[in-house]
């Protein structure tokens, strides 16, 4: 099968969609001997599309683990004009305000539809919204007369990014759509997308890498002993609602005074606010909250092994890969009762749900699990079974390739 993947970034670019496409592409090459090409902007971060964060990567083609990666020129001009138009159109709800927001973010690669049409691919796959290349993928595939599959990774809570009629129009034009969760599927069918077009699959993890973690290394490094450890994994963004975890800790300490919170993730402009919140706590409590900035990926298995449970305060997610990673390590999870995350957790079986944005509710669930070691073990085991059945990379790749094959066959019949 000759496959074209179109994505907003590819290794060494870091991100959820970038990681998914890398693993999917390499699986298809190694296990099926498919010919996989990736088209992606020549940028080190998606934020470089519209602001001065990150930098350029060399334009051109290279082979990475059998995958042909072609990095295309990126137009970054008129960024201030694009931003002003996007906010102005949106504020006054002018016609084409969704287009103005999409053009503002980009990536603007003017030759992309033509390159897709001339790629010779049997099928085109693109991820993720709200980026501009999704529409180029649909246009280029249509020009070539080949089917196109979209994976939107829709964050329904983000109205600025995802409340765009043009996005739903593109999904309606696609030959197939891959949703991360049943919540995303139901969201799309409510917007008029045909249910038989949508395939719920989700993302994958490397189970073998995760289960080899050494928690004692982390506990020794931070002098944690055998104290209870809560882990939050995620970028220190305002959208992740890490403030909820910090505010929950005094309620947790009232019943579990030796509990520690580890928050591990990349720093952002919001990180200084988290630092301030911790600095304002009583001096004896501050050492019990440990922030690990920009940790290497190789530390993730050790962090998961060190934790008694994983807490994820965010409500703005399309999937929740941190849950899958924690389950792979045999750990129970606690997440919010909203959106895609709530549809991923089987409440009471492999994790618990708390009321979004409410520290007291989070603390109640944490205390419940810390007081019941047997329940933690049972939930972690149930989560691991779920991962092995659904979220290993080989299973994800098998399901995606089946969508490709069925879509090509249906397109040829029509």
Protein backbone atom coordinates (compact mmCIF):
# COMPACT_ATOMS: atom_id res chain seq x y z
CA UNK A 1 0.00 0.00 0.00
CA UNK A 2 1.32 3.47 -0.90
CA UNK A 3 0.34 5.81 1.93
CA UNK A 4 0.76 9.55 2.46
CA UNK A 5 0.59 10.95 6.00
CA UNK A 6 0.19 14.72 6.43
CA UNK A 7 0.85 16.15 9.89
CA UNK A 8 1.83 19.44 11.55
CA UNK A 9 5.18 18.06 12.74
CA UNK A 10 7.31 14.93 12.62
CA UNK A 11 10.29 13.61 14.58
CA UNK A 12 12.25 15.30 16.09
CA UNK A 13 9.21 17.54 16.62
CA UNK A 14 7.48 16.59 19.90
CA UNK A 15 3.71 16.34 20.37
CA UNK A 16 0.81 13.92 20.59
CA UNK A 17 -0.11 13.86 16.90
CA UNK A 18 3.55 13.89 15.91
CA UNK A 19 4.23 10.85 18.12
CA UNK A 20 1.15 9.03 16.79
CA UNK A 21 2.10 9.53 13.13
CA UNK A 22 5.72 8.51 13.75
CA UNK A 23 4.76 5.24 15.43
CA UNK A 24 1.96 4.51 12.99
CA UNK A 25 4.20 5.15 9.98
CA UNK A 26 7.02 2.97 11.31
CA UNK A 27 4.61 0.17 12.19
CA UNK A 28 3.15 0.14 8.68
CA UNK A 29 6.62 0.07 7.10
CA UNK A 30 8.03 -2.62 9.40
CA UNK A 31 5.07 -4.95 9.71
CA UNK A 32 3.30 -4.54 6.36
CA UNK A 33 6.14 -3.29 4.12
CA UNK A 34 3.92 -0.39 3.10
CA UNK A 35 5.47 2.60 1.33
CA UNK A 36 4.85 5.49 3.73
CA UNK A 37 5.65 9.13 3.02
CA UNK A 38 5.10 12.00 5.45
CA UNK A 39 4.52 15.60 4.40
CA UNK A 40 5.14 18.10 7.20
CA UNK A 41 6.18 21.76 7.63
CA UNK A 42 9.87 22.57 8.05
CA UNK A 43 9.47 23.79 11.64
CA UNK A 44 10.61 22.54 15.04
CA UNK A 45 7.34 23.46 16.78
CA UNK A 46 3.78 24.11 15.55
CA UNK A 47 3.85 27.42 17.44
CA UNK A 48 6.51 28.58 14.96
CA UNK A 49 3.74 28.76 12.34
CA UNK A 50 2.34 31.95 13.86
CA UNK A 51 4.77 33.23 16.51
CA UNK A 52 8.47 33.24 17.39
CA UNK A 53 8.57 29.99 19.32
CA UNK A 54 10.72 27.20 18.01
CA UNK A 55 12.56 27.60 14.74
CA UNK A 56 13.00 26.34 11.19
CA UNK A 57 14.10 22.87 10.12
CA UNK A 58 15.84 22.14 6.82
CA UNK A 59 13.57 21.90 3.79
CA UNK A 60 13.91 18.60 1.94
CA UNK A 61 13.50 14.84 2.23
CA UNK A 62 15.10 12.26 4.50
CA UNK A 63 14.60 8.63 5.51
CA UNK A 64 13.78 7.95 9.17
CA UNK A 65 13.40 4.27 10.09
CA UNK A 66 12.14 3.41 6.62
CA UNK A 67 9.70 6.35 6.42
CA UNK A 68 10.24 9.05 3.77
CA UNK A 69 9.84 12.42 5.50
CA UNK A 70 9.48 15.48 3.28
CA UNK A 71 9.64 18.84 5.08
CA UNK A 72 7.98 21.59 3.05
CA UNK A 73 8.61 25.36 2.98
CA UNK A 74 6.55 27.37 5.46
CA UNK A 75 5.24 30.91 4.88
CA UNK A 76 5.42 32.96 8.10
CA UNK A 77 4.74 36.42 6.69
CA UNK A 78 1.97 38.83 7.75
CA UNK A 79 1.68 37.22 11.18
CA UNK A 80 0.46 40.38 12.90
CA UNK A 81 -2.09 41.05 10.15
CA UNK A 82 -3.30 37.45 10.33
CA UNK A 83 -3.70 37.68 14.11
CA UNK A 84 -5.62 40.98 13.98
CA UNK A 85 -7.94 39.68 11.27
CA UNK A 86 -8.57 36.44 13.14
CA UNK A 87 -9.50 38.16 16.40
CA UNK A 88 -11.49 40.90 14.66
CA UNK A 89 -13.50 38.50 12.51
CA UNK A 90 -14.18 36.28 15.51
CA UNK A 91 -15.15 39.08 17.85
CA UNK A 92 -17.73 40.51 15.46
CA UNK A 93 -18.76 37.08 14.08
CA UNK A 94 -18.07 38.22 10.56
CA UNK A 95 -18.50 35.81 7.64
CA UNK A 96 -15.54 33.46 7.26
CA UNK A 97 -14.34 34.05 10.83
CA UNK A 98 -13.43 30.36 10.99
CA UNK A 99 -11.24 30.77 7.91
CA UNK A 100 -9.57 33.83 9.42
CA UNK A 101 -8.65 31.88 12.57
CA UNK A 102 -7.37 28.94 10.52
CA UNK A 103 -5.20 31.13 8.28
CA UNK A 104 -3.80 32.86 11.38
CA UNK A 105 -2.57 29.57 12.88
CA UNK A 106 -1.50 27.93 9.62
CA UNK A 107 0.69 26.21 8.64
CA UNK A 108 0.69 28.07 5.33
CA UNK A 109 2.34 25.82 2.73
CA UNK A 110 1.11 27.11 -0.60
CA UNK A 111 2.30 24.15 -2.64
CA UNK A 112 0.87 21.48 -0.34
CA UNK A 113 -2.38 20.59 -2.22
CA UNK A 114 -0.43 20.19 -5.47
CA UNK A 115 2.28 18.13 -3.75
CA UNK A 116 -0.37 15.84 -2.27
CA UNK A 117 -2.09 15.46 -5.64
CA UNK A 118 1.22 14.56 -7.29
CA UNK A 119 2.41 12.20 -4.53
CA UNK A 120 1.14 9.02 -6.20
CA UNK A 121 -0.38 7.84 -2.92
CA UNK A 122 -3.25 5.36 -2.88
CA UNK A 123 -4.65 7.00 0.25
CA UNK A 124 -4.06 10.23 2.17
CA UNK A 125 -4.26 10.47 5.96
CA UNK A 126 -4.09 13.80 7.81
CA UNK A 127 -4.04 14.86 11.45
CA UNK A 128 -4.85 17.11 13.32
CA UNK A 129 -7.27 20.01 13.55
CA UNK A 130 -7.38 22.99 13.82
CA UNK A 131 -4.37 23.28 11.49
CA UNK A 132 -4.55 24.42 7.88
CA UNK A 133 -2.92 21.34 6.35
CA UNK A 134 -6.08 19.32 7.09
CA UNK A 135 -7.93 21.24 4.39
CA UNK A 136 -5.01 20.97 1.99
CA UNK A 137 -5.12 17.19 2.48
CA UNK A 138 -8.78 17.05 1.48
CA UNK A 139 -8.20 19.34 -1.51
CA UNK A 140 -5.10 17.48 -2.69
CA UNK A 141 -6.69 14.05 -2.38
CA UNK A 142 -9.75 15.23 -4.27
CA UNK A 143 -7.55 16.63 -7.02
CA UNK A 144 -5.76 13.27 -7.32
CA UNK A 145 -8.99 11.26 -7.12
CA UNK A 146 -7.82 9.22 -4.10
CA UNK A 147 -9.56 8.74 -0.75
CA UNK A 148 -8.68 10.79 2.31
CA UNK A 149 -8.92 9.81 6.00
CA UNK A 150 -8.89 12.47 8.73
CA UNK A 151 -8.05 12.16 12.42
CA UNK A 152 -9.11 15.43 14.01
CA UNK A 153 -8.15 15.00 17.69
CA UNK A 154 -10.91 17.49 18.49
CA UNK A 155 -10.72 19.37 21.79
CA UNK A 156 -14.40 20.19 22.17
CA UNK A 157 -13.83 22.50 25.16
CA UNK A 158 -11.67 24.83 23.03
CA UNK A 159 -14.20 26.95 21.17
CA UNK A 160 -11.59 29.28 19.65
CA UNK A 161 -9.68 26.40 18.12
CA UNK A 162 -12.41 23.93 17.22
CA UNK A 163 -15.77 25.67 16.91
CA UNK A 164 -15.35 26.10 13.16
CA UNK A 165 -17.96 25.11 10.62
CA UNK A 166 -15.26 24.65 7.98
CA UNK A 167 -13.83 21.83 10.12
CA UNK A 168 -17.09 19.89 10.09
CA UNK A 169 -17.46 20.56 6.37
CA UNK A 170 -14.05 19.01 5.77
CA UNK A 171 -14.93 15.95 7.87
CA UNK A 172 -18.14 15.55 5.87
CA UNK A 173 -16.08 15.59 2.64
CA UNK A 174 -13.56 13.02 3.90
CA UNK A 175 -13.99 9.37 3.01
CA UNK A 176 -13.41 8.23 6.61
CA UNK A 177 -12.71 9.72 10.01
CA UNK A 178 -10.80 8.26 12.95
CA UNK A 179 -11.98 9.39 16.40
CA UNK A 180 -9.97 8.92 19.57
CA UNK A 181 -12.99 8.24 21.82
CA UNK A 182 -16.70 7.48 21.77
CA UNK A 183 -17.21 11.01 23.12
CA UNK A 184 -15.62 12.47 19.99
CA UNK A 185 -17.70 10.16 17.80
CA UNK A 186 -20.93 11.25 19.50
CA UNK A 187 -19.90 14.90 19.24
CA UNK A 188 -19.47 14.52 15.48
CA UNK A 189 -22.70 12.62 14.87
CA UNK A 190 -24.54 15.37 16.76
CA UNK A 191 -23.05 17.81 14.23
CA UNK A 192 -24.43 15.78 11.33
CA UNK A 193 -21.46 13.56 10.45
CA UNK A 194 -22.54 10.09 9.29
CA UNK A 195 -21.88 7.50 11.99
CA UNK A 196 -20.72 4.85 9.51
CA UNK A 197 -17.86 7.14 8.47
CA UNK A 198 -16.38 7.29 11.99
CA UNK A 199 -14.00 4.68 13.42
CA UNK A 200 -13.08 4.88 17.13
CA UNK A 201 -9.47 3.75 17.62
CA UNK A 202 -7.37 5.91 19.97
CA UNK A 203 -3.60 6.25 20.30
CA UNK A 204 -0.98 3.72 21.32
CA UNK A 205 1.88 3.24 23.77
CA UNK A 206 5.08 1.23 23.87
CA UNK A 207 4.18 -1.10 26.72
CA UNK A 208 7.59 -2.78 26.87
CA UNK A 209 9.35 0.54 27.47
CA UNK A 210 6.94 1.66 30.17
CA UNK A 211 6.89 -1.51 32.27
CA UNK A 212 10.66 -1.42 32.73
CA UNK A 213 10.57 1.60 35.04
CA UNK A 214 12.53 1.75 38.30
CA UNK A 215 10.53 3.77 40.80
CA UNK A 216 13.24 3.53 43.47
CA UNK A 217 15.48 5.80 41.39
CA UNK A 218 12.90 8.59 41.56
CA UNK A 219 12.04 8.00 45.21
CA UNK A 220 15.73 8.08 46.16
CA UNK A 221 16.45 11.14 44.00
CA UNK A 222 13.74 13.16 45.73
CA UNK A 223 14.02 11.56 49.18
CA UNK A 224 10.46 10.18 49.09
CA UNK A 225 11.03 6.93 50.96
CA UNK A 226 7.82 4.90 51.07
CA UNK A 227 5.52 7.93 51.31
CA UNK A 228 2.42 8.13 49.08
CA UNK A 229 3.22 9.71 45.69
CA UNK A 230 0.72 11.32 43.32
CA UNK A 231 1.93 11.96 39.78
CA UNK A 232 0.77 14.58 37.30
CA UNK A 233 2.30 14.22 33.82
CA UNK A 234 1.74 17.05 31.38
CA UNK A 235 2.85 20.34 29.97
CA UNK A 236 2.60 23.19 32.48
CA UNK A 237 -0.13 24.94 30.52
CA UNK A 238 -3.09 26.84 31.93
CA UNK A 239 -5.37 24.51 29.96
CA UNK A 240 -4.09 21.50 31.94
CA UNK A 241 -5.53 22.98 35.17
CA UNK A 242 -2.54 22.01 37.31
CA UNK A 243 -3.75 24.61 39.80
CA UNK A 244 -6.51 22.16 40.75
CA UNK A 245 -3.93 19.59 41.87
CA UNK A 246 -2.01 22.14 43.93
CA UNK A 247 -5.19 23.39 45.61
CA UNK A 248 -6.24 19.80 46.37
CA UNK A 249 -3.09 19.02 48.33
CA UNK A 250 -4.07 20.70 51.67
CA UNK A 251 -7.27 18.62 51.66
CA UNK A 252 -5.21 15.49 50.96
CA UNK A 253 -2.65 16.31 53.64
CA UNK A 254 -5.42 16.58 56.22
CA UNK A 255 -5.79 12.78 55.94
CA UNK A 256 -2.51 11.75 54.30
CA UNK A 257 0.09 14.14 55.79
CA UNK A 258 3.06 12.40 54.15
CA UNK A 259 1.68 12.48 50.60
CA UNK A 260 3.84 14.04 47.88
CA UNK A 261 2.76 15.52 44.56
CA UNK A 262 5.12 15.26 41.58
CA UNK A 263 4.25 17.47 38.59
CA UNK A 264 6.46 16.57 35.63
CA UNK A 265 6.27 18.36 32.31
CA UNK A 266 7.63 21.07 30.06
CA UNK A 267 7.61 24.67 31.31
CA UNK A 268 5.49 27.35 29.67
CA UNK A 269 4.75 31.01 30.34
CA UNK A 270 2.16 29.79 32.85
CA UNK A 271 4.77 27.97 34.95
CA UNK A 272 5.61 31.09 36.96
CA UNK A 273 2.04 31.18 38.28
CA UNK A 274 2.37 27.61 39.53
CA UNK A 275 5.66 28.53 41.20
CA UNK A 276 3.93 31.44 42.91
CA UNK A 277 1.08 29.24 44.17
CA UNK A 278 3.55 26.86 45.79
CA UNK A 279 5.65 29.70 47.24
CA UNK A 280 2.56 31.08 48.98
CA UNK A 281 1.93 27.79 50.81
CA UNK A 282 3.24 27.20 54.37
CA UNK A 283 6.97 26.50 54.33
CA UNK A 284 6.55 22.97 55.71
CA UNK A 285 4.20 22.05 52.81
CA UNK A 286 6.25 23.41 49.92
CA UNK A 287 8.79 20.52 49.79
CA UNK A 288 5.92 18.06 49.38
CA UNK A 289 5.19 19.44 45.89
CA UNK A 290 7.95 18.58 43.44
CA UNK A 291 8.03 20.17 40.00
CA UNK A 292 10.19 18.40 37.43
CA UNK A 293 10.72 20.60 34.38
CA UNK A 294 11.31 19.28 30.87
CA UNK A 295 12.19 15.76 31.95
CA UNK A 296 13.69 13.34 29.40
CA UNK A 297 11.34 10.74 27.92
CA UNK A 298 13.56 8.03 29.40
CA UNK A 299 12.48 9.17 32.89
CA UNK A 300 8.78 8.58 32.25
CA UNK A 301 8.77 4.83 33.08
CA UNK A 302 10.63 5.58 36.33
CA UNK A 303 8.18 8.34 37.27
CA UNK A 304 5.21 6.06 36.65
CA UNK A 305 6.81 3.23 38.62
CA UNK A 306 7.42 5.59 41.56
CA UNK A 307 3.80 6.77 41.70
CA UNK A 308 0.96 5.21 43.65
CA UNK A 309 -1.52 6.75 41.22
CA UNK A 310 -1.74 9.22 38.37
CA UNK A 311 -3.91 12.34 38.55
CA UNK A 312 -4.83 14.34 35.44
CA UNK A 313 -6.66 17.61 36.24
CA UNK A 314 -7.23 18.68 32.62
CA UNK A 315 -10.63 18.77 30.97
CA UNK A 316 -9.35 19.94 27.59
CA UNK A 317 -8.12 16.78 25.86
CA UNK A 318 -8.97 14.78 22.77
CA UNK A 319 -7.80 11.47 24.22
CA UNK A 320 -5.66 11.26 27.37
CA UNK A 321 -2.51 9.33 26.48
CA UNK A 322 -1.21 9.79 30.05
CA UNK A 323 -3.97 7.47 31.28
CA UNK A 324 -2.91 4.79 28.81
CA UNK A 325 0.72 5.17 29.88
CA UNK A 326 -0.21 4.89 33.56
CA UNK A 327 -2.35 1.81 32.89
CA UNK A 328 0.50 0.22 30.96
CA UNK A 329 2.57 0.64 34.13
CA UNK A 330 -0.24 -0.97 36.17
CA UNK A 331 -1.26 2.25 37.91
CA UNK A 332 -4.78 3.51 38.67
CA UNK A 333 -5.81 6.93 37.37
CA UNK A 334 -7.97 9.82 38.51
CA UNK A 335 -9.41 12.14 35.87
CA UNK A 336 -12.10 14.72 35.28
CA UNK A 337 -15.75 13.90 34.67
CA UNK A 338 -15.96 15.84 31.39
CA UNK A 339 -15.39 15.23 27.70
CA UNK A 340 -13.17 12.63 26.14
CA UNK A 341 -11.39 11.81 29.40
CA UNK A 342 -14.57 10.71 31.11
CA UNK A 343 -15.38 8.39 28.20
CA UNK A 344 -11.95 6.78 28.41
CA UNK A 345 -12.03 5.87 32.13
CA UNK A 346 -14.32 3.10 33.37
CA UNK A 347 -15.22 4.82 36.65
CA UNK A 348 -14.68 2.50 39.59
CA UNK A 349 -12.97 -0.18 37.47
CA UNK A 350 -9.69 1.22 36.15
CA UNK A 351 -9.86 4.69 37.68
CA UNK A 352 -12.00 7.32 39.34
CA UNK A 353 -13.60 10.53 38.07
CA UNK A 354 -13.75 13.80 39.99
CA UNK A 355 -15.73 16.97 39.33
CA UNK A 356 -13.76 19.12 36.90
CA UNK A 357 -12.03 22.10 38.47
CA UNK A 358 -13.00 21.18 42.04
CA UNK A 359 -9.97 20.53 44.31
CA UNK A 360 -12.09 19.05 47.12
CA UNK A 361 -13.56 16.47 44.74
CA UNK A 362 -10.10 15.54 43.46
CA UNK A 363 -8.80 15.23 47.04
CA UNK A 364 -11.68 12.95 47.99
CA UNK A 365 -10.87 10.52 45.17
CA UNK A 366 -7.14 10.60 45.92
CA UNK A 367 -7.68 9.88 49.63
CA UNK A 368 -10.07 7.06 48.74
CA UNK A 369 -7.45 5.30 46.61
CA UNK A 370 -4.53 5.96 48.96
CA UNK A 371 -6.50 4.30 51.76
CA UNK A 372 -7.21 1.18 49.69
CA UNK A 373 -4.03 -0.47 48.31
CA UNK A 374 -5.96 -3.50 47.05
CA UNK A 375 -8.27 -1.28 45.01
CA UNK A 376 -5.27 0.50 43.50
CA UNK A 377 -3.77 -2.81 42.43
CA UNK A 378 -7.06 -4.04 40.95
CA UNK A 379 -7.65 -0.81 39.03
CA UNK A 380 -4.10 -0.79 37.70
CA UNK A 381 -4.49 -4.39 36.52
CA UNK A 382 -7.81 -3.60 34.81
CA UNK A 383 -6.21 -0.63 33.08
CA UNK A 384 -3.32 -2.73 31.86
CA UNK A 385 -5.75 -5.26 30.37
CA UNK A 386 -7.49 -2.41 28.55
CA UNK A 387 -4.19 -1.20 27.11
CA UNK A 388 -3.12 -4.65 25.91
CA UNK A 389 -6.49 -5.16 24.25
CA UNK A 390 -6.76 -1.75 22.58
CA UNK A 391 -3.82 0.62 22.84
CA UNK A 392 -0.56 -1.08 21.91
CA UNK A 393 1.01 0.36 18.76
CA UNK A 394 0.60 -2.87 16.80
CA UNK A 395 -3.13 -2.98 17.60
CA UNK A 396 -3.58 0.69 16.73
CA UNK A 397 -1.67 0.26 13.46
CA UNK A 398 -3.71 -2.84 12.55
CA UNK A 399 -6.97 -0.95 13.10
CA UNK A 400 -5.85 2.13 11.16
CA UNK A 401 -4.58 0.04 8.25
CA UNK A 402 -7.90 -1.79 8.15
CA UNK A 403 -9.63 1.59 7.83
CA UNK A 404 -7.26 2.44 4.96
CA UNK A 405 -7.95 -0.85 3.16
CA UNK A 406 -11.72 -0.61 3.57
CA UNK A 407 -11.71 3.03 2.45
CA UNK A 408 -9.67 2.28 -0.67
CA UNK A 409 -11.95 -0.66 -1.55
CA UNK A 410 -15.09 1.42 -1.07
CA UNK A 411 -13.63 4.27 -3.13
CA UNK A 412 -12.78 1.89 -5.97
CA UNK A 413 -16.31 0.42 -5.96
CA UNK A 414 -17.82 3.89 -6.21
